[in-house]
Amino acid sequence: ALVNPHIQFTLVNNDEIISELPISSTKQRIEAIFGHSSKPYTGHLVDILTHTELVNIHGFIGKPETAGKNSQQYMFVNGRYMRHPYFHKAIMTAYSGLLSAEHTPSYFIYFDVDPQAIDVNIHPTKTEIKFADEQAIFQILLATIRESLGKFNVTPSLDFSSETVID
């Protein structure tokens, strides 16, 4: 449902409609799935977007103040759900100094890459994927998240006009 917001989903159990997800944008779909309070869930998310020859990355990351112990963390490559500890490390590195050790941010990150540049057959469940250029994508992901956190004034700003002298 998170990968295909352009498709309507209906969950039916014993002829009773349990849930309906209408056609929507990705952000609206995230809200429909995870928004269960009076405060919009997606109000805590920051957009990320970058296009390179190697990879296109888009999606949403959570603001540091909303990080928790049970955050929603989803990564997709070419429309396929994936788990990628190395890319998770890039995300956590981007948040370095912004979160306490026990908190993790929410994220919904979509990677588009050349299908020839990935191998989906390294794990029986097909959720762990090997990328041909993992180190380069790590750096692109790290820079993209840092840029988004900075652009939306989520990271602390430095005041270079201050005349503080350090001994």
Protein backbone atom coordinates (compact mmCIF):
# COMPACT_ATOMS: atom_id res chain seq x y z
CA ALA A 1 0.00 0.00 0.00
CA LEU A 2 2.91 2.40 0.69
CA VAL A 3 4.47 1.71 -2.71
CA ASN A 4 1.25 1.97 -4.71
CA PRO A 5 -0.73 5.00 -3.52
CA HIS A 6 -2.20 5.19 -7.04
CA ILE A 7 -4.14 1.98 -6.28
CA GLN A 8 -7.19 1.83 -4.02
CA PHE A 9 -7.08 -0.87 -1.33
CA THR A 10 -10.01 -2.29 0.64
CA LEU A 11 -9.59 -4.75 3.51
CA VAL A 12 -12.68 -6.91 4.04
CA ASN A 13 -13.16 -9.47 6.82
CA ASN A 14 -16.38 -11.53 7.06
CA ASP A 15 -18.14 -9.20 4.60
CA GLU A 16 -17.26 -6.19 6.78
CA ILE A 17 -15.02 -3.43 5.45
CA ILE A 18 -12.19 -3.06 7.96
CA SER A 19 -10.17 -0.43 6.12
CA GLU A 20 -10.29 1.55 2.89
CA LEU A 21 -7.36 3.35 1.35
CA PRO A 22 -8.41 5.58 -1.56
CA ILE A 23 -6.13 6.61 -4.42
CA SER A 24 -3.87 9.31 -3.02
CA SER A 25 -0.42 10.85 -2.90
CA THR A 26 2.34 9.01 -1.04
CA LYS A 27 2.11 11.44 1.88
CA GLN A 28 -1.68 11.03 2.08
CA ARG A 29 -1.26 7.24 2.03
CA ILE A 30 1.22 7.39 4.92
CA GLU A 31 -1.27 9.55 6.83
CA ALA A 32 -4.12 7.11 6.08
CA ILE A 33 -2.10 4.17 7.38
CA PHE A 34 -0.29 5.68 10.37
CA GLY A 35 -2.32 8.76 11.33
CA HIS A 36 -4.47 7.82 14.29
CA SER A 37 -4.55 10.96 16.38
CA SER A 38 -5.95 14.47 16.19
CA LYS A 39 -2.50 15.73 15.14
CA PRO A 40 -1.52 14.78 11.57
CA TYR A 41 1.20 12.11 11.48
CA THR A 42 2.68 13.55 8.30
CA GLY A 43 3.08 16.93 10.02
CA HIS A 44 6.14 15.38 11.64
CA LEU A 45 7.72 14.41 8.31
CA VAL A 46 10.22 16.27 6.13
CA ASP A 47 10.46 15.68 2.37
CA ILE A 48 13.66 14.29 0.88
CA LEU A 49 14.46 14.34 -2.82
CA THR A 50 17.55 13.88 -4.96
CA HIS A 51 18.18 12.80 -8.53
CA THR A 52 21.58 11.49 -9.63
CA GLU A 53 22.77 9.29 -12.46
CA LEU A 54 23.26 6.48 -9.97
CA VAL A 55 20.07 6.69 -7.90
CA ASN A 56 16.92 8.75 -7.40
CA ILE A 57 15.86 9.03 -3.77
CA HIS A 58 12.58 10.47 -2.54
CA GLY A 59 10.34 10.11 0.44
CA PHE A 60 9.99 11.43 3.96
CA ILE A 61 12.01 11.47 7.17
CA GLY A 62 10.79 12.22 10.66
CA LYS A 63 11.75 15.35 12.54
CA PRO A 64 14.21 14.57 15.35
CA GLU A 65 11.82 15.69 18.09
CA THR A 66 9.34 13.01 17.02
CA ALA A 67 11.85 10.14 17.11
CA GLY A 68 10.99 7.29 19.43
CA LYS A 69 11.64 3.70 20.33
CA ASN A 70 8.96 2.35 17.95
CA SER A 71 9.39 4.47 14.84
CA GLN A 72 8.00 3.55 11.44
CA GLN A 73 10.94 2.68 9.16
CA TYR A 74 10.39 1.68 5.55
CA MET A 75 12.76 1.53 2.60
CA PHE A 76 11.81 0.51 -0.93
CA VAL A 77 13.85 -0.02 -4.07
CA ASN A 78 12.11 0.02 -7.45
CA GLY A 79 8.77 -0.59 -5.70
CA ARG A 80 10.05 -3.49 -3.57
CA TYR A 81 10.24 -3.38 0.24
CA MET A 82 13.76 -3.86 1.52
CA ARG A 83 15.80 -4.00 4.68
CA HIS A 84 19.26 -2.52 4.37
CA PRO A 85 21.33 -2.15 7.57
CA TYR A 86 24.06 -0.18 5.76
CA PHE A 87 21.59 2.41 4.46
CA HIS A 88 19.94 2.51 7.89
CA LYS A 89 23.38 3.42 9.23
CA ALA A 90 23.54 6.32 6.73
CA ILE A 91 20.20 7.56 8.04
CA MET A 92 21.31 7.29 11.66
CA THR A 93 24.60 9.04 10.82
CA ALA A 94 22.66 11.93 9.29
CA TYR A 95 20.77 12.31 12.58
CA SER A 96 23.99 12.10 14.62
CA GLY A 97 23.88 14.54 17.51
CA LEU A 98 20.14 15.11 17.09
CA LEU A 99 18.80 11.97 18.79
CA SER A 100 19.41 10.16 22.04
CA ALA A 101 20.88 6.66 21.72
CA GLU A 102 17.60 4.85 22.31
CA HIS A 103 15.56 6.85 19.79
CA THR A 104 15.29 6.32 16.04
CA PRO A 105 13.56 8.47 13.43
CA SER A 106 10.66 7.44 11.28
CA TYR A 107 11.37 7.23 7.56
CA PHE A 108 9.73 6.27 4.31
CA ILE A 109 12.46 6.23 1.66
CA TYR A 110 12.06 5.21 -1.97
CA PHE A 111 15.10 4.39 -4.14
CA ASP A 112 14.89 4.15 -7.92
CA VAL A 113 17.92 2.48 -9.51
CA ASP A 114 18.79 0.59 -12.65
CA PRO A 115 17.50 -2.98 -12.04
CA GLN A 116 20.86 -4.28 -13.34
CA ALA A 117 22.59 -2.51 -10.40
CA ILE A 118 20.87 -4.58 -7.69
CA ASP A 119 20.72 -8.23 -6.68
CA VAL A 120 17.53 -9.33 -4.92
CA ASN A 121 18.63 -12.96 -4.58
CA ILE A 122 20.94 -12.70 -1.58
CA HIS A 123 18.33 -13.64 1.04
CA PRO A 124 15.45 -16.17 0.91
CA THR A 125 12.82 -13.56 1.85
CA LYS A 126 14.08 -11.20 -0.90
CA THR A 127 14.04 -8.27 1.55
CA GLU A 128 17.81 -7.82 1.72
CA ILE A 129 19.20 -6.39 -1.48
CA LYS A 130 22.76 -5.95 -2.69
CA PHE A 131 23.53 -2.73 -4.58
CA ALA A 132 26.44 -2.51 -7.03
CA ASP A 133 27.44 0.95 -5.68
CA GLU A 134 26.45 0.77 -2.00
CA GLN A 135 29.15 3.15 -0.77
CA ALA A 136 28.21 5.85 -3.27
CA ILE A 137 24.49 5.47 -2.49
CA PHE A 138 25.31 5.61 1.24
CA GLN A 139 26.98 9.00 0.70
CA ILE A 140 24.14 10.28 -1.51
CA LEU A 141 21.54 9.19 1.06
CA LEU A 142 23.51 10.74 3.93
CA ALA A 143 23.88 14.06 2.06
CA THR A 144 20.21 14.06 1.01
CA ILE A 145 18.97 13.59 4.56
CA ARG A 146 21.37 16.17 6.01
CA GLU A 147 20.31 18.66 3.34
CA SER A 148 16.61 18.11 4.09
CA LEU A 149 17.11 18.40 7.83
CA GLY A 150 19.04 21.63 7.29
CA LYS A 151 16.62 23.04 4.69
CA PHE A 152 13.69 22.66 7.03
CA ASN A 153 15.69 24.13 9.94
CA VAL A 154 15.55 20.86 11.83
CA THR A 155 19.27 20.85 12.64
CA PRO A 156 20.75 23.42 15.02
CA SER A 157 22.04 26.45 13.18
CA LEU A 158 25.48 27.93 13.66
CA ASP A 159 25.79 31.65 14.39
CA PHE A 160 28.96 32.89 12.71
CA SER A 161 28.28 36.51 13.67
CA SER A 162 28.82 35.75 17.35
CA GLU A 163 32.11 37.03 18.78
CA THR A 164 32.69 34.15 21.17
CA VAL A 165 36.35 33.56 21.92
CA ILE A 166 37.46 30.04 22.80
CA ASP A 167 40.61 29.74 24.93
